[in-house]
Amino acid sequence: MTALTDWLAEIAASGRLAEIAMVVLLAELALFLFVYRAPAARRTLVFNTLSGLALMGALRSALIGHSALVIAGFLSLGFAMHLAELWFRHRAFMAPSAPPPPHRD
């Protein structure tokens, strides 16, 4: 068990753990962009992913010892992307729905 914990400590301290999470986020985005074709859904997915990538950037920066200013920059970017996602999501919810198709006899 020590080898596993040593390996995890090593990839965490080097920032590789955050990089792996970033790759997973991008793979998720690619999959969901393939599945969902609606522009509103795609916009929220992209901004959600950008927010997550910024948070992972902040984590990586903290793990490898970057300055507080760099970490704060990533956190601020993540917050801005989160607000953009909420804005697009709000617009999608407030958009009038399409009328039902006419009834055919």
PDB file of N, CA and C in Angstrom:
ATOM      1  N   MET A   1       0.817  -1.194   0.000  1.00  0.00           N
ATOM      2  CA  MET A   1       0.000   0.000   0.000  1.00  0.00           C
ATOM      3  C   MET A   1       0.863   1.262   0.000  1.00  0.00           C
ATOM      4  N   THR A   2       2.045   1.185   0.540  1.00  0.00           N
ATOM      5  CA  THR A   2       2.928   2.342   0.605  1.00  0.00           C
ATOM      6  C   THR A   2       3.323   2.809  -0.787  1.00  0.00           C
ATOM      7  N   ALA A   3       3.545   1.893  -1.708  1.00  0.00           N
ATOM      8  CA  ALA A   3       3.921   2.280  -3.071  1.00  0.00           C
ATOM      9  C   ALA A   3       2.813   3.102  -3.715  1.00  0.00           C
ATOM     10  N   LEU A   4       1.568   2.716  -3.483  1.00  0.00           N
ATOM     11  CA  LEU A   4       0.439   3.449  -4.053  1.00  0.00           C
ATOM     12  C   LEU A   4       0.341   4.848  -3.457  1.00  0.00           C
ATOM     13  N   THR A   5       0.445   4.951  -2.135  1.00  0.00           N
ATOM     14  CA  THR A   5       0.354   6.269  -1.504  1.00  0.00           C
ATOM     15  C   THR A   5       1.544   7.145  -1.884  1.00  0.00           C
ATOM     16  N   ASP A   6       2.728   6.542  -2.032  1.00  0.00           N
ATOM     17  CA  ASP A   6       3.895   7.308  -2.480  1.00  0.00           C
ATOM     18  C   ASP A   6       3.682   7.830  -3.895  1.00  0.00           C
ATOM     19  N   TRP A   7       3.125   6.985  -4.764  1.00  0.00           N
ATOM     20  CA  TRP A   7       2.863   7.387  -6.142  1.00  0.00           C
ATOM     21  C   TRP A   7       1.837   8.519  -6.186  1.00  0.00           C
ATOM     22  N   LEU A   8       0.754   8.387  -5.393  1.00  0.00           N
ATOM     23  CA  LEU A   8      -0.253   9.446  -5.352  1.00  0.00           C
ATOM     24  C   LEU A   8       0.330  10.750  -4.822  1.00  0.00           C
ATOM     25  N   ALA A   9       1.156  10.666  -3.788  1.00  0.00           N
ATOM     26  CA  ALA A   9       1.796  11.872  -3.250  1.00  0.00           C
ATOM     27  C   ALA A   9       2.695  12.514  -4.291  1.00  0.00           C
ATOM     28  N   GLU A  10       3.381  11.692  -5.060  1.00  0.00           N
ATOM     29  CA  GLU A  10       4.291  12.204  -6.095  1.00  0.00           C
ATOM     30  C   GLU A  10       3.526  12.911  -7.212  1.00  0.00           C
ATOM     31  N   ILE A  11       2.436  12.288  -7.711  1.00  0.00           N
ATOM     32  CA  ILE A  11       1.711  12.933  -8.809  1.00  0.00           C
ATOM     33  C   ILE A  11       0.920  14.143  -8.319  1.00  0.00           C
ATOM     34  N   ALA A  12       0.548  14.158  -7.044  1.00  0.00           N
ATOM     35  CA  ALA A  12      -0.120  15.340  -6.500  1.00  0.00           C
ATOM     36  C   ALA A  12       0.865  16.497  -6.383  1.00  0.00           C
ATOM     37  N   ALA A  13       2.040  16.231  -5.804  1.00  0.00           N
ATOM     38  CA  ALA A  13       3.039  17.277  -5.598  1.00  0.00           C
ATOM     39  C   ALA A  13       3.570  17.836  -6.907  1.00  0.00           C
ATOM     40  N   SER A  14       3.595  17.018  -7.951  1.00  0.00           N
ATOM     41  CA  SER A  14       4.119  17.480  -9.244  1.00  0.00           C
ATOM     42  C   SER A  14       3.066  18.212 -10.074  1.00  0.00           C
ATOM     43  N   GLY A  15       1.821  18.161  -9.629  1.00  0.00           N
ATOM     44  CA  GLY A  15       0.749  18.793 -10.396  1.00  0.00           C
ATOM     45  C   GLY A  15       0.128  17.878 -11.432  1.00  0.00           C
ATOM     46  N   ARG A  16       0.661  16.679 -11.594  1.00  0.00           N
ATOM     47  CA  ARG A  16       0.139  15.742 -12.601  1.00  0.00           C
ATOM     48  C   ARG A  16      -1.307  15.327 -12.311  1.00  0.00           C
ATOM     49  N   LEU A  17      -1.658  15.269 -11.050  1.00  0.00           N
ATOM     50  CA  LEU A  17      -3.019  14.889 -10.680  1.00  0.00           C
ATOM     51  C   LEU A  17      -4.028  15.886 -11.258  1.00  0.00           C
ATOM     52  N   ALA A  18      -3.728  17.173 -11.138  1.00  0.00           N
ATOM     53  CA  ALA A  18      -4.603  18.200 -11.713  1.00  0.00           C
ATOM     54  C   ALA A  18      -4.602  18.106 -13.239  1.00  0.00           C
ATOM     55  N   GLU A  19      -3.461  17.809 -13.828  1.00  0.00           N
ATOM     56  CA  GLU A  19      -3.393  17.669 -15.284  1.00  0.00           C
ATOM     57  C   GLU A  19      -4.241  16.496 -15.769  1.00  0.00           C
ATOM     58  N   ILE A  20      -4.225  15.406 -15.017  1.00  0.00           N
ATOM     59  CA  ILE A  20      -5.057  14.244 -15.363  1.00  0.00           C
ATOM     60  C   ILE A  20      -6.531  14.637 -15.296  1.00  0.00           C
ATOM     61  N   ALA A  21      -6.900  15.372 -14.246  1.00  0.00           N
ATOM     62  CA  ALA A  21      -8.291  15.828 -14.120  1.00  0.00           C
ATOM     63  C   ALA A  21      -8.675  16.730 -15.288  1.00  0.00           C
ATOM     64  N   MET A  22      -7.747  17.564 -15.756  1.00  0.00           N
ATOM     65  CA  MET A  22      -8.017  18.444 -16.898  1.00  0.00           C
ATOM     66  C   MET A  22      -8.267  17.636 -18.174  1.00  0.00           C
ATOM     67  N   VAL A  23      -7.490  16.604 -18.366  1.00  0.00           N
ATOM     68  CA  VAL A  23      -7.676  15.743 -19.542  1.00  0.00           C
ATOM     69  C   VAL A  23      -9.035  15.047 -19.480  1.00  0.00           C
ATOM     70  N   VAL A  24      -9.397  14.595 -18.288  1.00  0.00           N
ATOM     71  CA  VAL A  24     -10.707  13.949 -18.119  1.00  0.00           C
ATOM     72  C   VAL A  24     -11.827  14.943 -18.430  1.00  0.00           C
ATOM     73  N   LEU A  25     -11.698  16.176 -17.948  1.00  0.00           N
ATOM     74  CA  LEU A  25     -12.704  17.206 -18.238  1.00  0.00           C
ATOM     75  C   LEU A  25     -12.840  17.451 -19.740  1.00  0.00           C
ATOM     76  N   LEU A  26     -11.718  17.525 -20.439  1.00  0.00           N
ATOM     77  CA  LEU A  26     -11.765  17.758 -21.885  1.00  0.00           C
ATOM     78  C   LEU A  26     -12.363  16.567 -22.630  1.00  0.00           C
ATOM     79  N   ALA A  27     -12.067  15.358 -22.174  1.00  0.00           N
ATOM     80  CA  ALA A  27     -12.664  14.170 -22.789  1.00  0.00           C
ATOM     81  C   ALA A  27     -14.172  14.158 -22.562  1.00  0.00           C
ATOM     82  N   GLU A  28     -14.598  14.532 -21.355  1.00  0.00           N
ATOM     83  CA  GLU A  28     -16.028  14.651 -21.055  1.00  0.00           C
ATOM     84  C   GLU A  28     -16.693  15.653 -21.981  1.00  0.00           C
ATOM     85  N   LEU A  29     -16.057  16.797 -22.159  1.00  0.00           N
ATOM     86  CA  LEU A  29     -16.615  17.832 -23.029  1.00  0.00           C
ATOM     87  C   LEU A  29     -16.762  17.306 -24.447  1.00  0.00           C
ATOM     88  N   ALA A  30     -15.746  16.647 -24.952  1.00  0.00           N
ATOM     89  CA  ALA A  30     -15.817  16.104 -26.316  1.00  0.00           C
ATOM     90  C   ALA A  30     -16.973  15.119 -26.451  1.00  0.00           C
ATOM     91  N   LEU A  31     -17.130  14.262 -25.477  1.00  0.00           N
ATOM     92  CA  LEU A  31     -18.219  13.290 -25.511  1.00  0.00           C
ATOM     93  C   LEU A  31     -19.578  13.982 -25.508  1.00  0.00           C
ATOM     94  N   PHE A  32     -19.760  14.941 -24.592  1.00  0.00           N
ATOM     95  CA  PHE A  32     -21.055  15.598 -24.488  1.00  0.00           C
ATOM     96  C   PHE A  32     -21.348  16.511 -25.674  1.00  0.00           C
ATOM     97  N   LEU A  33     -20.324  17.106 -26.258  1.00  0.00           N
ATOM     98  CA  LEU A  33     -20.555  17.907 -27.470  1.00  0.00           C
ATOM     99  C   LEU A  33     -20.992  17.013 -28.625  1.00  0.00           C
ATOM    100  N   PHE A  34     -20.529  15.789 -28.618  1.00  0.00           N
ATOM    101  CA  PHE A  34     -20.956  14.825 -29.633  1.00  0.00           C
ATOM    102  C   PHE A  34     -22.409  14.409 -29.404  1.00  0.00           C
ATOM    103  N   VAL A  35     -22.790  14.253 -28.141  1.00  0.00           N
ATOM    104  CA  VAL A  35     -24.137  13.780 -27.790  1.00  0.00           C
ATOM    105  C   VAL A  35     -25.178  14.887 -27.918  1.00  0.00           C
ATOM    106  N   TYR A  36     -24.875  16.061 -27.380  1.00  0.00           N
ATOM    107  CA  TYR A  36     -25.852  17.154 -27.351  1.00  0.00           C
ATOM    108  C   TYR A  36     -25.595  18.108 -28.509  1.00  0.00           C
ATOM    109  N   ARG A  37     -26.614  18.325 -29.324  1.00  0.00           N
ATOM    110  CA  ARG A  37     -26.483  19.179 -30.508  1.00  0.00           C
ATOM    111  C   ARG A  37     -27.096  20.560 -30.316  1.00  0.00           C
ATOM    112  N   ALA A  38     -27.919  20.740 -29.288  1.00  0.00           N
ATOM    113  CA  ALA A  38     -28.580  22.031 -29.080  1.00  0.00           C
ATOM    114  C   ALA A  38     -27.544  23.089 -28.705  1.00  0.00           C
ATOM    115  N   PRO A  39     -27.573  24.236 -29.381  1.00  0.00           N
ATOM    116  CA  PRO A  39     -26.575  25.281 -29.096  1.00  0.00           C
ATOM    117  C   PRO A  39     -26.572  25.738 -27.634  1.00  0.00           C
ATOM    118  N   ALA A  40     -27.742  25.851 -27.019  1.00  0.00           N
ATOM    119  CA  ALA A  40     -27.796  26.296 -25.620  1.00  0.00           C
ATOM    120  C   ALA A  40     -27.110  25.286 -24.699  1.00  0.00           C
ATOM    121  N   ALA A  41     -27.339  24.016 -24.956  1.00  0.00           N
ATOM    122  CA  ALA A  41     -26.699  22.977 -24.141  1.00  0.00           C
ATOM    123  C   ALA A  41     -25.194  22.988 -24.346  1.00  0.00           C
ATOM    124  N   ARG A  42     -24.777  23.175 -25.572  1.00  0.00           N
ATOM    125  CA  ARG A  42     -23.342  23.198 -25.866  1.00  0.00           C
ATOM    126  C   ARG A  42     -22.648  24.384 -25.194  1.00  0.00           C
ATOM    127  N   ARG A  43     -23.310  25.533 -25.230  1.00  0.00           N
ATOM    128  CA  ARG A  43     -22.717  26.718 -24.593  1.00  0.00           C
ATOM    129  C   ARG A  43     -22.504  26.490 -23.099  1.00  0.00           C
ATOM    130  N   THR A  44     -23.521  25.967 -22.423  1.00  0.00           N
ATOM    131  CA  THR A  44     -23.374  25.746 -20.986  1.00  0.00           C
ATOM    132  C   THR A  44     -22.307  24.691 -20.701  1.00  0.00           C
ATOM    133  N   LEU A  45     -22.226  23.667 -21.547  1.00  0.00           N
ATOM    134  CA  LEU A  45     -21.190  22.643 -21.364  1.00  0.00           C
ATOM    135  C   LEU A  45     -19.789  23.235 -21.501  1.00  0.00           C
ATOM    136  N   VAL A  46     -19.610  24.076 -22.500  1.00  0.00           N
ATOM    137  CA  VAL A  46     -18.289  24.675 -22.732  1.00  0.00           C
ATOM    138  C   VAL A  46     -17.894  25.563 -21.553  1.00  0.00           C
ATOM    139  N   PHE A  47     -18.804  26.426 -21.111  1.00  0.00           N
ATOM    140  CA  PHE A  47     -18.457  27.321 -20.010  1.00  0.00           C
ATOM    141  C   PHE A  47     -18.304  26.567 -18.689  1.00  0.00           C
ATOM    142  N   ASN A  48     -19.056  25.508 -18.491  1.00  0.00           N
ATOM    143  CA  ASN A  48     -18.886  24.677 -17.306  1.00  0.00           C
ATOM    144  C   ASN A  48     -17.501  24.036 -17.319  1.00  0.00           C
ATOM    145  N   THR A  49     -17.102  23.541 -18.475  1.00  0.00           N
ATOM    146  CA  THR A  49     -15.778  22.919 -18.594  1.00  0.00           C
ATOM    147  C   THR A  49     -14.672  23.946 -18.384  1.00  0.00           C
ATOM    148  N   LEU A  50     -14.828  25.133 -18.967  1.00  0.00           N
ATOM    149  CA  LEU A  50     -13.817  26.177 -18.775  1.00  0.00           C
ATOM    150  C   LEU A  50     -13.686  26.555 -17.306  1.00  0.00           C
ATOM    151  N   SER A  51     -14.813  26.598 -16.608  1.00  0.00           N
ATOM    152  CA  SER A  51     -14.779  26.880 -15.178  1.00  0.00           C
ATOM    153  C   SER A  51     -14.004  25.791 -14.434  1.00  0.00           C
ATOM    154  N   GLY A  52     -14.299  24.533 -14.758  1.00  0.00           N
ATOM    155  CA  GLY A  52     -13.590  23.418 -14.125  1.00  0.00           C
ATOM    156  C   GLY A  52     -12.107  23.415 -14.439  1.00  0.00           C
ATOM    157  N   LEU A  53     -11.764  23.740 -15.691  1.00  0.00           N
ATOM    158  CA  LEU A  53     -10.351  23.799 -16.072  1.00  0.00           C
ATOM    159  C   LEU A  53      -9.619  24.900 -15.298  1.00  0.00           C
ATOM    160  N   ALA A  54     -10.277  26.027 -15.099  1.00  0.00           N
ATOM    161  CA  ALA A  54      -9.657  27.107 -14.332  1.00  0.00           C
ATOM    162  C   ALA A  54      -9.440  26.684 -12.879  1.00  0.00           C
ATOM    163  N   LEU A  55     -10.419  25.979 -12.311  1.00  0.00           N
ATOM    164  CA  LEU A  55     -10.249  25.496 -10.935  1.00  0.00           C
ATOM    165  C   LEU A  55      -9.111  24.485 -10.841  1.00  0.00           C
ATOM    166  N   MET A  56      -9.015  23.619 -11.832  1.00  0.00           N
ATOM    167  CA  MET A  56      -7.909  22.662 -11.839  1.00  0.00           C
ATOM    168  C   MET A  56      -6.570  23.381 -12.049  1.00  0.00           C
ATOM    169  N   GLY A  57      -6.591  24.457 -12.815  1.00  0.00           N
ATOM    170  CA  GLY A  57      -5.381  25.272 -12.973  1.00  0.00           C
ATOM    171  C   GLY A  57      -4.956  25.890 -11.654  1.00  0.00           C
ATOM    172  N   ALA A  58      -5.935  26.348 -10.872  1.00  0.00           N
ATOM    173  CA  ALA A  58      -5.627  26.898  -9.547  1.00  0.00           C
ATOM    174  C   ALA A  58      -5.058  25.814  -8.631  1.00  0.00           C
ATOM    175  N   LEU A  59      -5.650  24.629  -8.679  1.00  0.00           N
ATOM    176  CA  LEU A  59      -5.149  23.524  -7.867  1.00  0.00           C
ATOM    177  C   LEU A  59      -3.717  23.172  -8.259  1.00  0.00           C
ATOM    178  N   ARG A  60      -3.489  23.051  -9.555  1.00  0.00           N
ATOM    179  CA  ARG A  60      -2.142  22.713 -10.026  1.00  0.00           C
ATOM    180  C   ARG A  60      -1.132  23.777  -9.599  1.00  0.00           C
ATOM    181  N   SER A  61      -1.531  25.046  -9.743  1.00  0.00           N
ATOM    182  CA  SER A  61      -0.634  26.133  -9.345  1.00  0.00           C
ATOM    183  C   SER A  61      -0.304  26.074  -7.861  1.00  0.00           C
ATOM    184  N   ALA A  62      -1.297  25.755  -7.048  1.00  0.00           N
ATOM    185  CA  ALA A  62      -1.051  25.646  -5.611  1.00  0.00           C
ATOM    186  C   ALA A  62      -0.142  24.463  -5.301  1.00  0.00           C
ATOM    187  N   LEU A  63      -0.369  23.345  -5.993  1.00  0.00           N
ATOM    188  CA  LEU A  63       0.435  22.148  -5.726  1.00  0.00           C
ATOM    189  C   LEU A  63       1.902  22.323  -6.096  1.00  0.00           C
ATOM    190  N   ILE A  64       2.160  23.074  -7.157  1.00  0.00           N
ATOM    191  CA  ILE A  64       3.557  23.209  -7.591  1.00  0.00           C
ATOM    192  C   ILE A  64       4.213  24.482  -7.069  1.00  0.00           C
ATOM    193  N   GLY A  65       3.487  25.244  -6.239  1.00  0.00           N
ATOM    194  CA  GLY A  65       4.105  26.361  -5.537  1.00  0.00           C
ATOM    195  C   GLY A  65       4.089  27.694  -6.249  1.00  0.00           C
ATOM    196  N   HIS A  66       3.147  27.923  -7.142  1.00  0.00           N
ATOM    197  CA  HIS A  66       3.051  29.247  -7.758  1.00  0.00           C
ATOM    198  C   HIS A  66       2.577  30.264  -6.732  1.00  0.00           C
ATOM    199  N   SER A  67       2.720  31.517  -7.081  1.00  0.00           N
ATOM    200  CA  SER A  67       2.344  32.589  -6.157  1.00  0.00           C
ATOM    201  C   SER A  67       0.829  32.663  -5.968  1.00  0.00           C
ATOM    202  N   ALA A  68       0.438  33.339  -4.903  1.00  0.00           N
ATOM    203  CA  ALA A  68      -0.980  33.524  -4.613  1.00  0.00           C
ATOM    204  C   ALA A  68      -1.666  34.310  -5.723  1.00  0.00           C
ATOM    205  N   LEU A  69      -0.943  35.198  -6.386  1.00  0.00           N
ATOM    206  CA  LEU A  69      -1.517  35.989  -7.470  1.00  0.00           C
ATOM    207  C   LEU A  69      -1.913  35.098  -8.652  1.00  0.00           C
ATOM    208  N   VAL A  70      -1.097  34.124  -8.977  1.00  0.00           N
ATOM    209  CA  VAL A  70      -1.407  33.184 -10.059  1.00  0.00           C
ATOM    210  C   VAL A  70      -2.632  32.346  -9.679  1.00  0.00           C
ATOM    211  N   ILE A  71      -2.643  31.857  -8.458  1.00  0.00           N
ATOM    212  CA  ILE A  71      -3.775  31.048  -7.985  1.00  0.00           C
ATOM    213  C   ILE A  71      -5.051  31.884  -8.009  1.00  0.00           C
ATOM    214  N   ALA A  72      -4.980  33.113  -7.517  1.00  0.00           N
ATOM    215  CA  ALA A  72      -6.143  34.002  -7.523  1.00  0.00           C
ATOM    216  C   ALA A  72      -6.603  34.302  -8.947  1.00  0.00           C
ATOM    217  N   GLY A  73      -5.665  34.410  -9.870  1.00  0.00           N
ATOM    218  CA  GLY A  73      -6.023  34.634 -11.269  1.00  0.00           C
ATOM    219  C   GLY A  73      -6.832  33.477 -11.831  1.00  0.00           C
ATOM    220  N   PHE A  74      -6.376  32.255 -11.565  1.00  0.00           N
ATOM    221  CA  PHE A  74      -7.136  31.083 -12.022  1.00  0.00           C
ATOM    222  C   PHE A  74      -8.509  31.013 -11.358  1.00  0.00           C
ATOM    223  N   LEU A  75      -8.567  31.312 -10.064  1.00  0.00           N
ATOM    224  CA  LEU A  75      -9.854  31.284  -9.364  1.00  0.00           C
ATOM    225  C   LEU A  75     -10.800  32.354  -9.916  1.00  0.00           C
ATOM    226  N   SER A  76     -10.263  33.525 -10.213  1.00  0.00           N
ATOM    227  CA  SER A  76     -11.087  34.591 -10.791  1.00  0.00           C
ATOM    228  C   SER A  76     -11.601  34.199 -12.169  1.00  0.00           C
ATOM    229  N   LEU A  77     -10.740  33.597 -12.966  1.00  0.00           N
ATOM    230  CA  LEU A  77     -11.153  33.131 -14.287  1.00  0.00           C
ATOM    231  C   LEU A  77     -12.245  32.072 -14.153  1.00  0.00           C
ATOM    232  N   GLY A  78     -12.084  31.158 -13.210  1.00  0.00           N
ATOM    233  CA  GLY A  78     -13.101  30.135 -12.974  1.00  0.00           C
ATOM    234  C   GLY A  78     -14.431  30.745 -12.566  1.00  0.00           C
ATOM    235  N   PHE A  79     -14.378  31.774 -11.730  1.00  0.00           N
ATOM    236  CA  PHE A  79     -15.602  32.442 -11.301  1.00  0.00           C
ATOM    237  C   PHE A  79     -16.278  33.138 -12.474  1.00  0.00           C
ATOM    238  N   ALA A  80     -15.493  33.797 -13.324  1.00  0.00           N
ATOM    239  CA  ALA A  80     -16.059  34.465 -14.499  1.00  0.00           C
ATOM    240  C   ALA A  80     -16.719  33.449 -15.437  1.00  0.00           C
ATOM    241  N   MET A  81     -16.080  32.304 -15.636  1.00  0.00           N
ATOM    242  CA  MET A  81     -16.662  31.276 -16.505  1.00  0.00           C
ATOM    243  C   MET A  81     -17.923  30.686 -15.876  1.00  0.00           C
ATOM    244  N   HIS A  82     -17.918  30.562 -14.561  1.00  0.00           N
ATOM    245  CA  HIS A  82     -19.105  30.067 -13.855  1.00  0.00           C
ATOM    246  C   HIS A  82     -20.271  31.040 -14.024  1.00  0.00           C
ATOM    247  N   LEU A  83     -19.989  32.347 -13.881  1.00  0.00           N
ATOM    248  CA  LEU A  83     -21.039  33.342 -14.075  1.00  0.00           C
ATOM    249  C   LEU A  83     -21.568  33.326 -15.504  1.00  0.00           C
ATOM    250  N   ALA A  84     -20.671  33.153 -16.475  1.00  0.00           N
ATOM    251  CA  ALA A  84     -21.107  33.077 -17.876  1.00  0.00           C
ATOM    252  C   ALA A  84     -21.998  31.860 -18.089  1.00  0.00           C
ATOM    253  N   GLU A  85     -21.620  30.743 -17.504  1.00  0.00           N
ATOM    254  CA  GLU A  85     -22.453  29.537 -17.626  1.00  0.00           C
ATOM    255  C   GLU A  85     -23.835  29.771 -17.028  1.00  0.00           C
ATOM    256  N   LEU A  86     -23.881  30.383 -15.851  1.00  0.00           N
ATOM    257  CA  LEU A  86     -25.170  30.672 -15.224  1.00  0.00           C
ATOM    258  C   LEU A  86     -26.005  31.615 -16.089  1.00  0.00           C
ATOM    259  N   TRP A  87     -25.369  32.588 -16.707  1.00  0.00           N
ATOM    260  CA  TRP A  87     -26.079  33.523 -17.575  1.00  0.00           C
ATOM    261  C   TRP A  87     -26.698  32.782 -18.767  1.00  0.00           C
ATOM    262  N   PHE A  88     -25.914  31.947 -19.431  1.00  0.00           N
ATOM    263  CA  PHE A  88     -26.441  31.202 -20.582  1.00  0.00           C
ATOM    264  C   PHE A  88     -27.523  30.219 -20.152  1.00  0.00           C
ATOM    265  N   ARG A  89     -27.344  29.608 -19.005  1.00  0.00           N
ATOM    266  CA  ARG A  89     -28.351  28.679 -18.505  1.00  0.00           C
ATOM    267  C   ARG A  89     -29.649  29.423 -18.186  1.00  0.00           C
ATOM    268  N   HIS A  90     -29.527  30.584 -17.565  1.00  0.00           N
ATOM    269  CA  HIS A  90     -30.698  31.410 -17.259  1.00  0.00           C
ATOM    270  C   HIS A  90     -31.428  31.798 -18.546  1.00  0.00           C
ATOM    271  N   ARG A  91     -30.681  32.215 -19.538  1.00  0.00           N
ATOM    272  CA  ARG A  91     -31.301  32.592 -20.821  1.00  0.00           C
ATOM    273  C   ARG A  91     -32.019  31.409 -21.453  1.00  0.00           C
ATOM    274  N   ALA A  92     -31.429  30.221 -21.339  1.00  0.00           N
ATOM    275  CA  ALA A  92     -32.064  29.031 -21.918  1.00  0.00           C
ATOM    276  C   ALA A  92     -33.372  28.706 -21.196  1.00  0.00           C
ATOM    277  N   PHE A  93     -33.394  28.880 -19.878  1.00  0.00           N
ATOM    278  CA  PHE A  93     -34.610  28.600 -19.124  1.00  0.00           C
ATOM    279  C   PHE A  93     -35.702  29.640 -19.375  1.00  0.00           C
ATOM    280  N   MET A  94     -35.289  30.866 -19.632  1.00  0.00           N
ATOM    281  CA  MET A  94     -36.256  31.939 -19.815  1.00  0.00           C
ATOM    282  C   MET A  94     -36.749  32.056 -21.261  1.00  0.00           C
ATOM    283  N   ALA A  95     -36.105  31.366 -22.188  1.00  0.00           N
ATOM    284  CA  ALA A  95     -36.516  31.433 -23.597  1.00  0.00           C
ATOM    285  C   ALA A  95     -37.896  30.804 -23.746  1.00  0.00           C
ATOM    286  N   PRO A  96     -38.733  31.426 -24.557  1.00  0.00           N
ATOM    287  CA  PRO A  96     -40.061  30.828 -24.764  1.00  0.00           C
ATOM    288  C   PRO A  96     -39.921  29.475 -25.449  1.00  0.00           C
ATOM    289  N   SER A  97     -40.719  28.550 -24.990  1.00  0.00           N
ATOM    290  CA  SER A  97     -40.663  27.225 -25.602  1.00  0.00           C
ATOM    291  C   SER A  97     -41.401  27.250 -26.933  1.00  0.00           C
ATOM    292  N   ALA A  98     -41.051  26.339 -27.792  1.00  0.00           N
ATOM    293  CA  ALA A  98     -41.679  26.252 -29.103  1.00  0.00           C
ATOM    294  C   ALA A  98     -43.131  25.812 -28.916  1.00  0.00           C
ATOM    295  N   PRO A  99     -44.028  26.375 -29.722  1.00  0.00           N
ATOM    296  CA  PRO A  99     -45.428  25.949 -29.600  1.00  0.00           C
ATOM    297  C   PRO A  99     -45.579  24.491 -30.014  1.00  0.00           C
ATOM    298  N   PRO A 100     -46.583  23.818 -29.466  1.00  0.00           N
ATOM    299  CA  PRO A 100     -46.772  22.416 -29.839  1.00  0.00           C
ATOM    300  C   PRO A 100     -47.199  22.322 -31.305  1.00  0.00           C
ATOM    301  N   PRO A 101     -46.867  21.219 -31.943  1.00  0.00           N
ATOM    302  CA  PRO A 101     -47.266  21.058 -33.354  1.00  0.00           C
ATOM    303  C   PRO A 101     -48.792  20.997 -33.467  1.00  0.00           C
ATOM    304  N   PRO A 102     -49.322  21.469 -34.595  1.00  0.00           N
ATOM    305  CA  PRO A 102     -50.775  21.426 -34.761  1.00  0.00           C
ATOM    306  C   PRO A 102     -51.285  19.995 -34.781  1.00  0.00           C
ATOM    307  N   HIS A 103     -52.492  19.838 -34.283  1.00  0.00           N
ATOM    308  CA  HIS A 103     -53.114  18.521 -34.237  1.00  0.00           C
ATOM    309  C   HIS A 103     -53.621  18.147 -35.634  1.00  0.00           C
ATOM    310  N   ARG A 104     -53.315  16.954 -36.066  1.00  0.00           N
ATOM    311  CA  ARG A 104     -53.777  16.478 -37.380  1.00  0.00           C
ATOM    312  C   ARG A 104     -54.830  15.389 -37.187  1.00  0.00           C
ATOM    313  N   ASP A 105     -55.871  15.476 -37.971  1.00  0.00           N
ATOM    314  CA  ASP A 105     -56.921  14.445 -37.906  1.00  0.00           C
ATOM    315  C   ASP A 105     -56.681  13.368 -38.907  1.00  0.00           C
TER     316      ASP A 105
END
